[in-house]
Amino acid sequence: MTTWTDTHGGTLELKLDGTFTADDVCGNFFDFDADEQENEARSGSGTWRDSDWKGQTSVDMSFKPDGVSFGYEALRDGKTLKLWTYVGDPDEGNPLCILTPRQR
């Protein structure tokens, strides 16, 4: 289990069984039922999986039961692992959502 935190104190706990719990975590969420983007911090639980496309590792997630989905790109900055995503349209100058592993 790994707990990630964003700059506003939101947390994302990724469990080894492929589930997650989020508490006010930042992100770029998409509600397929409403066909709309949601960029406010979000809490809840659901499932996650990692994926690798053209050498870029990402974490894809889906909240239960509403199916709102989102994903984070993974990167290594020196010795620090990070998860990140754009919040809204990057051409509008919106900040990135960056999560780092919580220090124990």
Protein backbone atom coordinates (compact mmCIF):
# COMPACT_ATOMS: atom_id res chain seq x y z
CA MET A 1 0.00 0.00 0.00
CA THR A 2 1.25 3.49 -0.89
CA THR A 3 -0.28 6.77 0.20
CA TRP A 4 0.25 9.78 -2.06
CA THR A 5 -0.42 13.39 -1.09
CA ASP A 6 -0.96 16.57 -3.09
CA THR A 7 0.09 20.13 -2.23
CA HIS A 8 -3.30 20.90 -0.65
CA GLY A 9 -3.24 17.91 1.73
CA GLY A 10 -5.42 15.61 -0.38
CA THR A 11 -4.49 11.93 -0.21
CA LEU A 12 -4.68 8.95 -2.51
CA GLU A 13 -4.10 5.47 -1.08
CA LEU A 14 -3.28 2.80 -3.66
CA LYS A 15 -3.76 -0.72 -2.31
CA LEU A 16 -2.07 -3.83 -3.67
CA ASP A 17 -5.44 -5.47 -4.42
CA GLY A 18 -6.16 -2.88 -7.13
CA THR A 19 -8.45 -0.66 -5.05
CA PHE A 20 -7.93 2.92 -3.90
CA THR A 21 -9.28 5.44 -1.41
CA ALA A 22 -9.13 9.17 -2.15
CA ASP A 23 -9.67 12.02 0.29
CA ASP A 24 -9.93 15.48 -1.33
CA VAL A 25 -7.31 14.56 -3.94
CA CYS A 26 -6.66 16.83 -6.89
CA GLY A 27 -7.11 15.53 -10.42
CA ASN A 28 -8.64 15.86 -13.84
CA PHE A 29 -11.76 13.72 -13.50
CA PHE A 30 -14.10 12.77 -16.33
CA ASP A 31 -17.72 11.75 -15.77
CA PHE A 32 -18.66 9.59 -18.76
CA ASP A 33 -22.35 9.50 -17.76
CA ALA A 34 -22.60 13.32 -17.77
CA ASP A 35 -19.96 13.68 -20.54
CA GLU A 36 -18.20 16.42 -18.61
CA GLN A 37 -14.91 17.29 -16.96
CA GLU A 38 -14.73 17.77 -13.18
CA ASN A 39 -11.67 19.54 -11.80
CA GLU A 40 -12.57 19.96 -8.13
CA ALA A 41 -10.85 17.81 -5.49
CA ARG A 42 -12.62 14.49 -5.06
CA SER A 43 -13.09 11.86 -2.35
CA GLY A 44 -14.25 8.26 -2.65
CA SER A 45 -13.02 4.81 -3.55
CA GLY A 46 -12.74 2.57 -6.57
CA THR A 47 -10.31 0.52 -8.60
CA TRP A 48 -6.97 1.27 -10.23
CA ARG A 49 -4.52 -0.33 -12.64
CA ASP A 50 -1.17 0.66 -14.01
CA SER A 51 -0.52 0.89 -17.72
CA ASP A 52 2.45 1.49 -19.97
CA TRP A 53 1.93 3.16 -23.33
CA LYS A 54 4.91 4.06 -25.50
CA GLY A 55 7.25 3.98 -22.52
CA GLN A 56 5.09 6.25 -20.32
CA THR A 57 3.78 4.64 -17.14
CA SER A 58 0.42 5.81 -15.87
CA VAL A 59 -2.13 4.90 -13.22
CA ASP A 60 -5.73 4.67 -14.48
CA MET A 61 -8.54 4.87 -11.93
CA SER A 62 -12.32 4.66 -11.70
CA PHE A 63 -14.50 5.76 -8.78
CA LYS A 64 -17.26 3.40 -7.71
CA PRO A 65 -20.23 3.41 -8.08
CA ASP A 66 -20.50 6.43 -10.41
CA GLY A 67 -17.68 5.39 -12.79
CA VAL A 68 -15.96 8.78 -12.88
CA SER A 69 -12.51 8.04 -14.27
CA PHE A 70 -9.13 9.73 -14.15
CA GLY A 71 -5.47 9.01 -14.49
CA TYR A 72 -2.07 10.17 -13.42
CA GLU A 73 1.19 9.99 -15.33
CA ALA A 74 4.11 8.60 -13.34
CA LEU A 75 7.61 10.05 -13.36
CA ARG A 76 10.81 9.97 -11.36
CA ASP A 77 12.33 13.30 -10.36
CA GLY A 78 15.76 12.38 -9.03
CA LYS A 79 15.00 9.84 -6.30
CA THR A 80 11.41 11.02 -5.84
CA LEU A 81 8.50 9.28 -7.56
CA LYS A 82 5.61 11.53 -8.59
CA LEU A 83 2.14 11.12 -10.03
CA TRP A 84 0.84 14.10 -12.01
CA THR A 85 -1.90 15.28 -14.32
CA TYR A 86 -3.15 18.49 -15.84
CA VAL A 87 -6.13 20.12 -14.13
CA GLY A 88 -8.34 21.43 -16.89
CA ASP A 89 -7.00 22.70 -20.20
CA PRO A 90 -3.21 23.16 -20.07
CA ASP A 91 -3.48 25.96 -22.65
CA GLU A 92 -5.42 28.03 -20.09
CA GLY A 93 -2.48 28.12 -17.67
CA ASN A 94 -4.05 25.83 -15.07
CA PRO A 95 -1.70 24.32 -12.47
CA LEU A 96 -0.60 20.71 -12.49
CA CYS A 97 -1.87 18.26 -9.91
CA ILE A 98 1.24 16.60 -8.44
CA LEU A 99 1.22 13.83 -5.85
CA THR A 100 4.26 12.51 -3.99
CA PRO A 101 4.56 9.53 -1.64
CA ARG A 102 3.68 10.46 1.93
CA GLN A 103 6.69 10.42 4.20
CA ARG A 104 6.36 8.06 7.15
